[in-house]
């Protein structure tokens, strides 16, 4: 094996293939490890850089080709060994030939996925390099030629079309701007690519897109949302296309995620653009809300939906929270029909908040903290508060399962007098601790906005909690009352009676907590 590292003997493609085969197929682990060490040493030698073309043209084993591609990737990234234009053209042609062969059928494509992904990534790097050196008309023509070659290749089969989406997705990720400002030159090229991708998949190709290809197409479009102007995206009527996809069950989750990314783009780009397109994008929210009943029948339990289609429910939450954060003020100023869309969207978020999932509930609580803060911000509009009162009333009982006290707090009920301080302590999970800040803010603001609903919710809960022997449940409920206390009126005698009962029960069940400085009886002084 070590002969491979003697570059004075000339390159032997068969030897490289045999060692590559040993790395996975040798009868003993010792032989496999030895082959792996030799191949890694070969890959890291500077002399191997001159062998990229022979490796890619002469070797047949997948591991050998992958090594050649890794060497090529290193050359492109460190620029220590510049690739001439002639060699560059030859390598691009070889990569396209390899991709065409690897996409000959689904089985080959799957078995050679590692090599294929590396080919895609390197093609994207070549185009990035061309884009970054547009200093002459000949270089512009060269860039155009390479891009057109990928588009033409992708029109010949569905597998190649899927693969071209991988190339363009990698290109978008590699050229995504580090700031929100996209250089004009780059935005022009991204716009051209997105337009060509969209045209290839929807108009130019005679291929009938299957479900897998369509999902890959939608995901690729979404990659370009971060590098193309929102005006261009609307001009190409991409929102309408995504809404059409959303009406088909196979694309529910993928389309919702892309639409959420679209709204996020609108919130990040210049305010003038966002305001100009507010009506169009608010219309997207209305259309999605109209489609949701087909996706999630009203008879279905949201918890059951989440258990069956976690990605779908998560993407719906991301879409709704993104849309409402961005367009809530705009839609409040529109027609009564648009205002009803707000209430329906908030209703779905209330339903999702009831799902028993830590990550999802944290996203919901973060949204509700923002929403409640916007309602409580001065100057308060009583008409606006009345409009959202049904939402807050529905939210109150849904919030209770999320109320978890900090590891140690002194129970103090705000009725103008203090119940004897009771240290309530038990271990919290990290997830519960991370949610505490959100819970505290949301629960307090909900109590302020709708004290009657919150009081009623706690009264209904109190009857079962009083009979409970579960100390943690008692502590949780007392903490709910601790938060809502300042917003309750003096007439709530039943609730105060409930608190007194719980306090007595806690004193019976909770052992006293020693002071950190106290010493057990009989212990020696330090």
Protein backbone atom coordinates (compact mmCIF):
# COMPACT_ATOMS: atom_id res chain seq x y z
CA UNK A 1 0.00 0.00 0.00
CA UNK A 2 2.79 2.42 0.85
CA UNK A 3 3.87 2.34 -2.80
CA UNK A 4 0.97 4.72 -3.52
CA UNK A 5 2.81 7.45 -1.59
CA UNK A 6 5.95 7.16 -3.78
CA UNK A 7 5.10 9.81 -6.39
CA UNK A 8 8.40 9.23 -8.25
CA UNK A 9 6.99 5.93 -9.60
CA UNK A 10 4.12 7.61 -11.45
CA UNK A 11 0.39 7.42 -10.74
CA UNK A 12 -1.25 3.99 -10.78
CA UNK A 13 -5.07 4.28 -10.97
CA UNK A 14 -5.57 0.55 -10.44
CA UNK A 15 -3.51 0.62 -7.24
CA UNK A 16 -5.58 3.53 -5.90
CA UNK A 17 -8.80 1.62 -6.69
CA UNK A 18 -7.50 -1.53 -4.93
CA UNK A 19 -6.58 0.39 -1.78
CA UNK A 20 -9.91 2.24 -1.88
CA UNK A 21 -11.67 -1.11 -2.06
CA UNK A 22 -9.64 -2.40 0.91
CA UNK A 23 -10.81 0.50 3.04
CA UNK A 24 -14.33 -0.97 3.13
CA UNK A 25 -14.02 -4.56 1.90
CA UNK A 26 -10.78 -5.90 3.42
CA UNK A 27 -11.34 -9.06 5.53
CA UNK A 28 -9.79 -7.59 8.71
CA UNK A 29 -10.16 -4.29 10.53
CA UNK A 30 -6.37 -3.94 10.64
CA UNK A 31 -6.19 -3.98 6.82
CA UNK A 32 -9.10 -1.54 6.55
CA UNK A 33 -7.40 0.86 8.97
CA UNK A 34 -4.09 0.59 7.12
CA UNK A 35 -5.81 1.40 3.81
CA UNK A 36 -7.58 4.36 5.39
CA UNK A 37 -4.28 5.77 6.73
CA UNK A 38 -2.56 5.48 3.34
CA UNK A 39 -5.46 7.14 1.50
CA UNK A 40 -5.57 10.01 3.99
CA UNK A 41 -1.81 10.55 3.65
CA UNK A 42 -2.15 10.45 -0.16
CA UNK A 43 -4.93 13.01 -0.10
CA UNK A 44 -2.88 15.41 2.05
CA UNK A 45 0.28 15.28 -0.10
CA UNK A 46 0.82 18.38 -2.27
CA UNK A 47 1.94 16.17 -5.19
CA UNK A 48 -1.58 14.69 -5.34
CA UNK A 49 -2.95 18.02 -6.58
CA UNK A 50 -1.48 17.45 -10.01
CA UNK A 51 -3.32 14.09 -10.24
CA UNK A 52 -6.90 15.34 -9.91
CA UNK A 53 -7.75 14.93 -13.60
CA UNK A 54 -6.15 11.43 -13.90
CA UNK A 55 -7.97 10.30 -10.73
CA UNK A 56 -11.36 11.50 -11.98
CA UNK A 57 -10.88 10.11 -15.50
CA UNK A 58 -9.09 6.81 -14.80
CA UNK A 59 -10.33 5.57 -11.41
CA UNK A 60 -13.59 3.63 -11.16
CA UNK A 61 -14.03 3.02 -7.43
CA UNK A 62 -16.33 5.48 -5.63
CA UNK A 63 -13.83 6.02 -2.80
CA UNK A 64 -11.07 6.88 -5.30
CA UNK A 65 -13.27 9.41 -7.04
CA UNK A 66 -14.29 10.91 -3.73
CA UNK A 67 -10.62 11.35 -2.80
CA UNK A 68 -10.05 13.13 -6.12
CA UNK A 69 -12.98 15.42 -5.42
CA UNK A 70 -11.70 16.16 -1.88
CA UNK A 71 -8.29 17.11 -3.30
CA UNK A 72 -10.00 19.38 -5.84
CA UNK A 73 -12.07 21.00 -3.07
CA UNK A 74 -8.88 21.76 -1.13
CA UNK A 75 -7.30 23.34 -4.21
CA UNK A 76 -10.33 25.59 -4.76
CA UNK A 77 -10.55 26.72 -1.16
CA UNK A 78 -6.94 27.58 -0.36
CA UNK A 79 -5.94 29.00 -3.79
CA UNK A 80 -2.35 27.79 -3.31
CA UNK A 81 -2.57 25.83 -6.53
CA UNK A 82 -4.47 27.98 -9.06
CA UNK A 83 -6.50 26.02 -11.61
CA UNK A 84 -5.99 27.26 -15.16
CA UNK A 85 -9.01 28.16 -17.28
CA UNK A 86 -8.29 25.23 -19.58
CA UNK A 87 -8.13 22.73 -16.70
CA UNK A 88 -11.15 24.35 -15.12
CA UNK A 89 -13.25 23.76 -18.25
CA UNK A 90 -12.01 20.17 -18.44
CA UNK A 91 -12.86 19.53 -14.77
CA UNK A 92 -16.34 21.05 -15.14
CA UNK A 93 -17.03 18.80 -18.12
CA UNK A 94 -15.81 15.79 -16.13
CA UNK A 95 -18.01 16.70 -13.17
CA UNK A 96 -21.05 17.03 -15.41
CA UNK A 97 -20.23 13.70 -17.05
CA UNK A 98 -19.94 12.06 -13.61
CA UNK A 99 -23.26 13.58 -12.49
CA UNK A 100 -25.02 12.37 -15.65
CA UNK A 101 -23.67 8.84 -15.10
CA UNK A 102 -24.51 8.81 -11.39
CA UNK A 103 -28.08 9.98 -12.10
CA UNK A 104 -28.67 7.23 -14.67
CA UNK A 105 -31.10 5.51 -12.30
CA UNK A 106 -32.41 5.99 -8.77
CA UNK A 107 -30.46 3.06 -7.31
CA UNK A 108 -27.10 4.34 -8.59
CA UNK A 109 -27.96 7.85 -7.47
CA UNK A 110 -28.68 6.62 -3.96
CA UNK A 111 -25.65 4.35 -3.65
CA UNK A 112 -23.29 7.06 -4.95
CA UNK A 113 -24.94 9.91 -3.02
CA UNK A 114 -21.71 10.91 -1.25
CA UNK A 115 -19.79 11.34 -4.52
CA UNK A 116 -22.76 13.06 -6.17
CA UNK A 117 -23.15 15.58 -3.32
CA UNK A 118 -19.46 16.44 -3.57
CA UNK A 119 -19.79 16.94 -7.35
CA UNK A 120 -22.73 19.28 -6.78
CA UNK A 121 -20.85 21.28 -4.18
CA UNK A 122 -17.77 21.64 -6.41
CA UNK A 123 -19.90 22.78 -9.36
CA UNK A 124 -21.36 25.44 -7.08
CA UNK A 125 -17.83 26.50 -6.04
CA UNK A 126 -16.76 26.85 -9.68
CA UNK A 127 -19.72 29.12 -10.38
CA UNK A 128 -18.99 31.13 -7.21
CA UNK A 129 -15.40 31.57 -8.40
CA UNK A 130 -16.59 32.71 -11.84
CA UNK A 131 -19.04 35.15 -10.27
CA UNK A 132 -16.41 36.68 -8.02
CA UNK A 133 -14.06 37.44 -10.94
CA UNK A 134 -16.39 39.15 -13.43
CA UNK A 135 -13.86 41.65 -14.77
CA UNK A 136 -14.19 41.06 -18.52
CA UNK A 137 -16.82 40.12 -21.09
CA UNK A 138 -15.08 36.78 -21.71
CA UNK A 139 -15.42 35.86 -18.01
CA UNK A 140 -19.09 36.85 -18.07
CA UNK A 141 -19.60 34.61 -21.10
CA UNK A 142 -17.79 31.80 -19.30
CA UNK A 143 -20.06 32.12 -16.26
CA UNK A 144 -23.13 32.18 -18.50
CA UNK A 145 -21.92 29.10 -20.38
CA UNK A 146 -21.41 27.07 -17.20
CA UNK A 147 -24.79 28.05 -15.78
CA UNK A 148 -26.58 27.29 -19.04
CA UNK A 149 -24.88 23.89 -19.24
CA UNK A 150 -26.40 22.94 -15.87
CA UNK A 151 -29.86 24.16 -16.91
CA UNK A 152 -29.74 22.26 -20.21
CA UNK A 153 -28.44 19.10 -18.52
CA UNK A 154 -31.23 19.24 -15.94
CA UNK A 155 -33.94 19.16 -18.61
CA UNK A 156 -33.08 15.63 -19.75
CA UNK A 157 -34.28 13.61 -16.74
CA UNK A 158 -36.05 14.05 -13.41
CA UNK A 159 -33.04 12.71 -11.50
CA UNK A 160 -30.74 15.27 -13.14
CA UNK A 161 -33.31 17.99 -12.46
CA UNK A 162 -33.35 17.01 -8.77
CA UNK A 163 -29.58 17.05 -8.80
CA UNK A 164 -29.40 20.51 -10.38
CA UNK A 165 -31.55 21.79 -7.50
CA UNK A 166 -28.81 20.54 -5.15
CA UNK A 167 -26.20 22.52 -7.11
CA UNK A 168 -28.20 25.74 -7.06
CA UNK A 169 -29.06 25.34 -3.37
CA UNK A 170 -25.36 24.94 -2.55
CA UNK A 171 -24.59 28.02 -4.65
CA UNK A 172 -27.18 30.11 -2.78
CA UNK A 173 -25.78 29.01 0.58
CA UNK A 174 -22.17 29.70 -0.46
CA UNK A 175 -23.00 33.21 -1.71
CA UNK A 176 -25.48 34.26 0.99
CA UNK A 177 -24.49 37.75 2.19
CA UNK A 178 -22.98 38.18 5.62
CA UNK A 179 -25.20 41.23 6.12
CA UNK A 180 -28.71 42.08 4.95
CA UNK A 181 -27.31 44.18 2.09
CA UNK A 182 -26.82 42.14 -1.09
CA UNK A 183 -24.29 43.59 -3.61
CA UNK A 184 -26.06 44.62 -6.80
CA UNK A 185 -23.87 42.41 -9.04
CA UNK A 186 -24.58 39.31 -6.97
CA UNK A 187 -28.28 40.03 -6.67
CA UNK A 188 -28.52 40.26 -10.47
CA UNK A 189 -26.94 36.81 -10.86
CA UNK A 190 -29.08 35.26 -8.13
CA UNK A 191 -32.18 36.74 -9.75
CA UNK A 192 -31.19 35.26 -13.11
CA UNK A 193 -30.59 31.82 -11.57
CA UNK A 194 -33.87 31.82 -9.63
CA UNK A 195 -35.76 32.92 -12.74
CA UNK A 196 -34.15 30.12 -14.78
CA UNK A 197 -34.80 27.51 -12.08
CA UNK A 198 -38.44 28.57 -11.88
CA UNK A 199 -38.82 28.61 -15.65
CA UNK A 200 -37.10 25.24 -16.07
CA UNK A 201 -39.30 23.50 -13.53
CA UNK A 202 -42.63 25.14 -14.38
CA UNK A 203 -42.51 25.99 -18.08
CA UNK A 204 -39.56 24.89 -20.18
CA UNK A 205 -39.12 21.25 -19.30
CA UNK A 206 -41.45 18.63 -20.76
CA UNK A 207 -40.84 16.40 -17.73
CA UNK A 208 -43.77 15.76 -15.41
CA UNK A 209 -42.45 16.62 -11.93
CA UNK A 210 -43.01 13.90 -9.34
CA UNK A 211 -43.48 14.56 -5.60
CA UNK A 212 -39.81 14.19 -4.69
CA UNK A 213 -38.69 16.58 -7.43
CA UNK A 214 -41.38 19.12 -6.56
CA UNK A 215 -40.37 19.12 -2.89
CA UNK A 216 -36.72 19.62 -3.90
CA UNK A 217 -37.83 22.44 -6.22
CA UNK A 218 -39.76 24.23 -3.43
CA UNK A 219 -36.82 23.87 -1.02
CA UNK A 220 -34.43 25.32 -3.63
CA UNK A 221 -36.69 28.31 -4.26
CA UNK A 222 -36.69 28.98 -0.52
CA UNK A 223 -32.86 29.00 -0.46
CA UNK A 224 -32.93 32.00 -2.84
CA UNK A 225 -35.23 34.05 -0.63
CA UNK A 226 -32.18 35.22 1.32
CA UNK A 227 -30.32 36.47 -1.78
CA UNK A 228 -33.05 37.86 -4.07
CA UNK A 229 -35.16 40.98 -3.63
CA UNK A 230 -38.74 40.47 -2.42
CA UNK A 231 -39.85 42.58 -5.41
CA UNK A 232 -38.31 40.09 -7.84
CA UNK A 233 -39.91 37.15 -6.03
CA UNK A 234 -43.36 38.71 -6.24
CA UNK A 235 -42.73 39.70 -9.86
CA UNK A 236 -42.12 36.02 -10.71
CA UNK A 237 -45.40 35.12 -8.95
CA UNK A 238 -43.63 32.66 -6.66
CA UNK A 239 -46.09 33.28 -3.76
CA UNK A 240 -48.98 32.19 -6.02
CA UNK A 241 -47.08 29.04 -7.01
CA UNK A 242 -46.40 28.14 -3.37
CA UNK A 243 -50.07 28.63 -2.49
CA UNK A 244 -51.01 26.25 -5.32
CA UNK A 245 -48.59 23.68 -3.88
CA UNK A 246 -50.06 24.22 -0.41
CA UNK A 247 -53.45 23.06 -1.70
CA UNK A 248 -51.95 19.60 -2.35
CA UNK A 249 -51.40 17.29 0.62
CA UNK A 250 -47.99 16.06 -0.54
CA UNK A 251 -46.52 19.57 -0.23
CA UNK A 252 -48.21 20.93 2.91
CA UNK A 253 -45.13 21.04 5.16
CA UNK A 254 -42.60 22.09 2.48
CA UNK A 255 -44.82 24.88 1.13
CA UNK A 256 -45.61 26.27 4.58
CA UNK A 257 -41.90 26.41 5.42
CA UNK A 258 -41.14 28.22 2.13
CA UNK A 259 -43.97 30.72 2.72
CA UNK A 260 -42.67 31.38 6.24
CA UNK A 261 -39.18 32.01 4.80
CA UNK A 262 -40.75 34.39 2.27
CA UNK A 263 -42.40 36.46 5.01
CA UNK A 264 -39.19 36.45 7.02
CA UNK A 265 -37.38 37.85 3.97
CA UNK A 266 -39.95 40.64 3.71
CA UNK A 267 -39.37 41.56 7.36
CA UNK A 268 -35.58 41.71 6.87
CA UNK A 269 -35.42 43.76 3.67
CA UNK A 270 -35.80 47.52 3.30
CA UNK A 271 -38.92 48.99 4.88
CA UNK A 272 -39.93 50.64 1.60
CA UNK A 273 -40.02 47.25 -0.14
CA UNK A 274 -41.93 45.65 2.71
CA UNK A 275 -44.53 48.43 2.81
CA UNK A 276 -44.92 48.36 -0.95
CA UNK A 277 -45.69 44.64 -0.89
CA UNK A 278 -47.63 44.53 2.38
CA UNK A 279 -51.00 43.99 0.68
CA UNK A 280 -49.67 41.07 -1.40
CA UNK A 281 -48.01 39.35 1.54
CA UNK A 282 -50.90 39.95 3.91
CA UNK A 283 -53.01 38.34 1.19
CA UNK A 284 -50.73 35.28 1.45
CA UNK A 285 -51.66 35.00 5.14
CA UNK A 286 -55.37 35.22 4.27
CA UNK A 287 -55.01 32.52 1.61
CA UNK A 288 -53.15 30.18 3.97
CA UNK A 289 -55.76 30.68 6.72
CA UNK A 290 -58.45 29.78 4.16
CA UNK A 291 -56.57 26.57 3.22
CA UNK A 292 -55.78 25.42 6.79
CA UNK A 293 -59.20 23.75 7.40
CA UNK A 294 -58.39 21.40 4.49
CA UNK A 295 -55.02 20.60 6.06
CA UNK A 296 -56.26 20.33 9.65
CA UNK A 297 -59.98 19.51 9.98
CA UNK A 298 -61.66 21.22 12.93
CA UNK A 299 -62.67 17.81 14.29
CA UNK A 300 -59.02 16.73 14.59
CA UNK A 301 -57.14 17.09 17.87
CA UNK A 302 -54.12 19.37 17.53
CA UNK A 303 -52.12 16.96 19.71
CA UNK A 304 -53.07 14.07 17.41
CA UNK A 305 -52.11 16.15 14.37
CA UNK A 306 -48.73 16.92 15.93
CA UNK A 307 -48.11 13.27 16.78
CA UNK A 308 -48.82 12.29 13.16
CA UNK A 309 -47.29 15.28 11.34
CA UNK A 310 -44.86 17.11 13.62
CA UNK A 311 -43.11 18.94 10.76
CA UNK A 312 -46.42 20.21 9.36
CA UNK A 313 -47.65 21.65 12.68
CA UNK A 314 -44.23 23.19 13.41
CA UNK A 315 -44.09 24.86 9.99
CA UNK A 316 -47.66 26.14 10.42
CA UNK A 317 -46.64 27.75 13.73
CA UNK A 318 -43.54 29.32 12.14
CA UNK A 319 -45.64 30.70 9.27
CA UNK A 320 -48.42 32.14 11.45
CA UNK A 321 -46.12 33.73 14.04
CA UNK A 322 -43.87 35.22 11.32
CA UNK A 323 -46.86 36.60 9.40
CA UNK A 324 -48.59 38.10 12.43
CA UNK A 325 -45.43 39.66 13.84
CA UNK A 326 -44.85 41.35 10.48
CA UNK A 327 -48.33 42.29 9.28
CA UNK A 328 -50.52 42.57 12.40
CA UNK A 329 -50.66 46.42 12.38
CA UNK A 330 -51.30 46.49 8.62
CA UNK A 331 -54.13 43.94 8.77
CA UNK A 332 -55.75 45.68 11.76
CA UNK A 333 -56.22 48.72 9.52
CA UNK A 334 -57.85 46.74 6.71
CA UNK A 335 -61.36 45.41 6.13
CA UNK A 336 -63.36 43.45 8.68
CA UNK A 337 -62.66 40.28 6.67
CA UNK A 338 -58.90 40.80 7.05
CA UNK A 339 -59.35 41.43 10.77
CA UNK A 340 -61.17 38.11 11.10
CA UNK A 341 -58.15 36.44 9.50
CA UNK A 342 -56.08 37.73 12.45
CA UNK A 343 -58.44 36.12 14.97
CA UNK A 344 -58.47 32.81 13.08
CA UNK A 345 -54.67 32.77 12.88
CA UNK A 346 -54.35 33.54 16.60
CA UNK A 347 -56.88 30.79 17.32
CA UNK A 348 -54.65 28.24 15.60
CA UNK A 349 -51.67 29.43 17.66
CA UNK A 350 -53.77 29.01 20.85
CA UNK A 351 -54.53 25.42 19.76
CA UNK A 352 -50.86 24.73 19.02
CA UNK A 353 -49.92 26.14 22.45
CA UNK A 354 -51.93 23.30 24.02
CA UNK A 355 -49.62 20.67 22.49
CA UNK A 356 -47.42 18.83 24.97
CA UNK A 357 -44.00 19.51 23.44
CA UNK A 358 -41.25 21.53 25.11
CA UNK A 359 -39.70 23.11 21.99
CA UNK A 360 -43.03 23.95 20.40
CA UNK A 361 -44.46 25.43 23.59
CA UNK A 362 -41.40 27.68 23.98
CA UNK A 363 -41.95 29.06 20.45
CA UNK A 364 -45.61 29.69 21.29
CA UNK A 365 -44.78 31.40 24.60
CA UNK A 366 -42.23 33.65 22.89
CA UNK A 367 -44.91 34.72 20.40
CA UNK A 368 -47.48 35.34 23.15
CA UNK A 369 -44.98 37.44 25.10
CA UNK A 370 -44.53 39.64 22.02
CA UNK A 371 -48.27 39.76 21.34
CA UNK A 372 -49.27 40.60 24.94
CA UNK A 373 -46.57 43.27 25.14
CA UNK A 374 -47.97 44.90 21.99
CA UNK A 375 -51.43 44.98 23.62
CA UNK A 376 -50.18 46.35 26.92
CA UNK A 377 -47.90 49.00 25.36
CA UNK A 378 -49.09 52.57 25.99
CA UNK A 379 -51.22 54.26 24.89
CA UNK A 380 -53.68 51.40 25.24
CA UNK A 381 -56.57 51.30 22.76
CA UNK A 382 -59.68 50.00 24.53
CA UNK A 383 -61.33 49.06 21.23
CA UNK A 384 -58.26 47.01 20.30
CA UNK A 385 -58.20 45.33 23.71
CA UNK A 386 -61.88 44.43 23.34
CA UNK A 387 -61.21 43.01 19.86
CA UNK A 388 -58.55 40.63 21.21
CA UNK A 389 -60.32 39.82 24.49
CA UNK A 390 -61.80 36.50 23.16
CA UNK A 391 -58.29 35.35 22.18
CA UNK A 392 -56.84 36.18 25.61
CA UNK A 393 -59.80 34.46 27.32
CA UNK A 394 -59.21 31.30 25.28
CA UNK A 395 -55.50 31.44 26.00
CA UNK A 396 -55.83 31.64 29.81
CA UNK A 397 -56.71 27.96 30.49
CA UNK A 398 -54.24 26.79 27.84
CA UNK A 399 -51.40 28.58 29.66
CA UNK A 400 -51.86 26.77 32.98
CA UNK A 401 -49.89 23.59 32.09
CA UNK A 402 -46.91 25.80 31.19
CA UNK A 403 -46.78 27.57 34.56
CA UNK A 404 -43.77 26.29 36.48
CA UNK A 405 -42.29 28.24 39.42
CA UNK A 406 -38.57 28.91 39.77
CA UNK A 407 -36.66 26.50 42.02
CA UNK A 408 -37.18 28.70 45.07
CA UNK A 409 -39.65 31.52 45.61
CA UNK A 410 -41.52 33.04 48.55
CA UNK A 411 -45.26 32.73 48.12
CA UNK A 412 -46.77 36.18 48.38
CA UNK A 413 -50.38 36.76 47.33
CA UNK A 414 -51.18 40.37 46.47
CA UNK A 415 -54.39 40.94 48.42
CA UNK A 416 -52.87 43.68 50.55
CA UNK A 417 -51.73 41.18 53.18
CA UNK A 418 -49.09 38.48 53.20
CA UNK A 419 -49.53 34.80 53.79
CA UNK A 420 -46.71 33.43 55.88
CA UNK A 421 -43.65 32.99 53.62
CA UNK A 422 -43.44 29.43 52.38
CA UNK A 423 -40.24 28.29 50.66
CA UNK A 424 -41.31 26.13 47.73
CA UNK A 425 -38.45 24.22 46.21
CA UNK A 426 -38.01 21.27 43.94
CA UNK A 427 -35.73 20.52 41.04
CA UNK A 428 -36.66 21.99 37.64
CA UNK A 429 -35.53 20.64 34.31
CA UNK A 430 -33.41 22.89 32.09
CA UNK A 431 -36.33 23.19 29.68
CA UNK A 432 -38.66 24.41 32.43
CA UNK A 433 -36.08 26.92 33.63
CA UNK A 434 -35.64 28.32 30.11
CA UNK A 435 -39.40 28.80 29.79
CA UNK A 436 -39.80 30.58 33.10
CA UNK A 437 -39.14 34.10 31.79
CA UNK A 438 -41.69 33.72 28.97
CA UNK A 439 -44.28 32.15 31.25
CA UNK A 440 -43.96 34.87 33.88
CA UNK A 441 -44.44 37.68 31.34
CA UNK A 442 -47.26 36.06 29.39
CA UNK A 443 -49.19 34.95 32.46
CA UNK A 444 -48.89 38.35 34.13
CA UNK A 445 -50.00 40.28 31.02
CA UNK A 446 -52.88 37.87 30.33
CA UNK A 447 -54.05 38.40 33.92
CA UNK A 448 -53.86 42.15 33.44
CA UNK A 449 -55.78 42.09 30.15
CA UNK A 450 -58.40 39.56 31.19
CA UNK A 451 -58.47 39.19 35.01
CA UNK A 452 -62.00 37.75 35.02
CA UNK A 453 -61.08 34.95 32.58
CA UNK A 454 -57.91 34.14 34.48
CA UNK A 455 -59.70 34.17 37.83
CA UNK A 456 -62.41 31.87 36.48
CA UNK A 457 -59.78 29.54 35.07
CA UNK A 458 -58.03 29.29 38.43
CA UNK A 459 -61.30 28.83 40.32
CA UNK A 460 -62.23 25.90 38.08
CA UNK A 461 -58.77 24.42 38.59
CA UNK A 462 -58.80 24.95 42.36
CA UNK A 463 -61.48 22.35 43.09
CA UNK A 464 -59.34 19.49 41.79
CA UNK A 465 -56.04 20.85 43.08
CA UNK A 466 -57.29 21.21 46.68
CA UNK A 467 -57.97 17.47 46.78
CA UNK A 468 -54.56 16.63 45.29
CA UNK A 469 -51.83 15.06 47.38
CA UNK A 470 -49.20 15.93 44.76
CA UNK A 471 -46.90 18.55 46.28
CA UNK A 472 -45.57 19.69 42.92
CA UNK A 473 -49.09 20.27 41.60
CA UNK A 474 -49.89 22.32 44.71
CA UNK A 475 -46.75 24.39 44.27
CA UNK A 476 -47.49 25.02 40.59
CA UNK A 477 -51.01 26.17 41.36
CA UNK A 478 -49.88 28.44 44.19
CA UNK A 479 -47.39 30.02 41.83
CA UNK A 480 -50.19 30.71 39.31
CA UNK A 481 -52.06 32.55 42.05
CA UNK A 482 -48.86 34.32 43.08
CA UNK A 483 -48.56 35.74 39.55
CA UNK A 484 -52.20 36.68 39.15
CA UNK A 485 -52.66 38.02 42.71
CA UNK A 486 -52.04 41.74 41.97
CA UNK A 487 -54.81 41.71 39.35
CA UNK A 488 -57.57 40.12 41.49
CA UNK A 489 -60.29 42.15 43.19
CA UNK A 490 -61.17 41.96 46.93
CA UNK A 491 -64.44 40.18 46.09
CA UNK A 492 -62.64 36.94 45.17
CA UNK A 493 -63.12 35.38 48.61
CA UNK A 494 -63.40 31.85 47.27
CA UNK A 495 -60.02 32.07 45.64
CA UNK A 496 -58.49 33.52 48.81
CA UNK A 497 -59.97 30.64 50.78
CA UNK A 498 -58.43 28.28 48.27
CA UNK A 499 -55.01 29.90 48.76
CA UNK A 500 -55.26 29.62 52.54
CA UNK A 501 -56.17 25.93 52.26
CA UNK A 502 -53.26 25.26 49.92
CA UNK A 503 -50.87 27.16 52.18
CA UNK A 504 -51.87 25.03 55.17
CA UNK A 505 -51.54 21.85 53.11
CA UNK A 506 -48.08 22.89 51.94
CA UNK A 507 -46.92 23.61 55.49
CA UNK A 508 -48.02 20.11 56.48
CA UNK A 509 -46.26 18.41 53.56
CA UNK A 510 -43.16 20.53 52.99
CA UNK A 511 -40.32 19.89 55.50
CA UNK A 512 -38.54 23.00 56.77
CA UNK A 513 -35.54 24.10 54.72
CA UNK A 514 -32.37 24.59 56.75
CA UNK A 515 -30.44 27.81 56.56
CA UNK A 516 -27.17 27.45 54.62
CA UNK A 517 -25.30 28.46 57.81
CA UNK A 518 -27.11 26.10 60.17
CA UNK A 519 -25.34 23.02 61.54
CA UNK A 520 -26.79 19.66 62.53
CA UNK A 521 -27.08 19.14 66.28
CA UNK A 522 -23.89 17.82 67.80
CA UNK A 523 -21.66 18.71 64.85
CA UNK A 524 -18.21 20.08 65.58
CA UNK A 525 -17.42 23.72 64.89
CA UNK A 526 -15.36 24.31 61.79
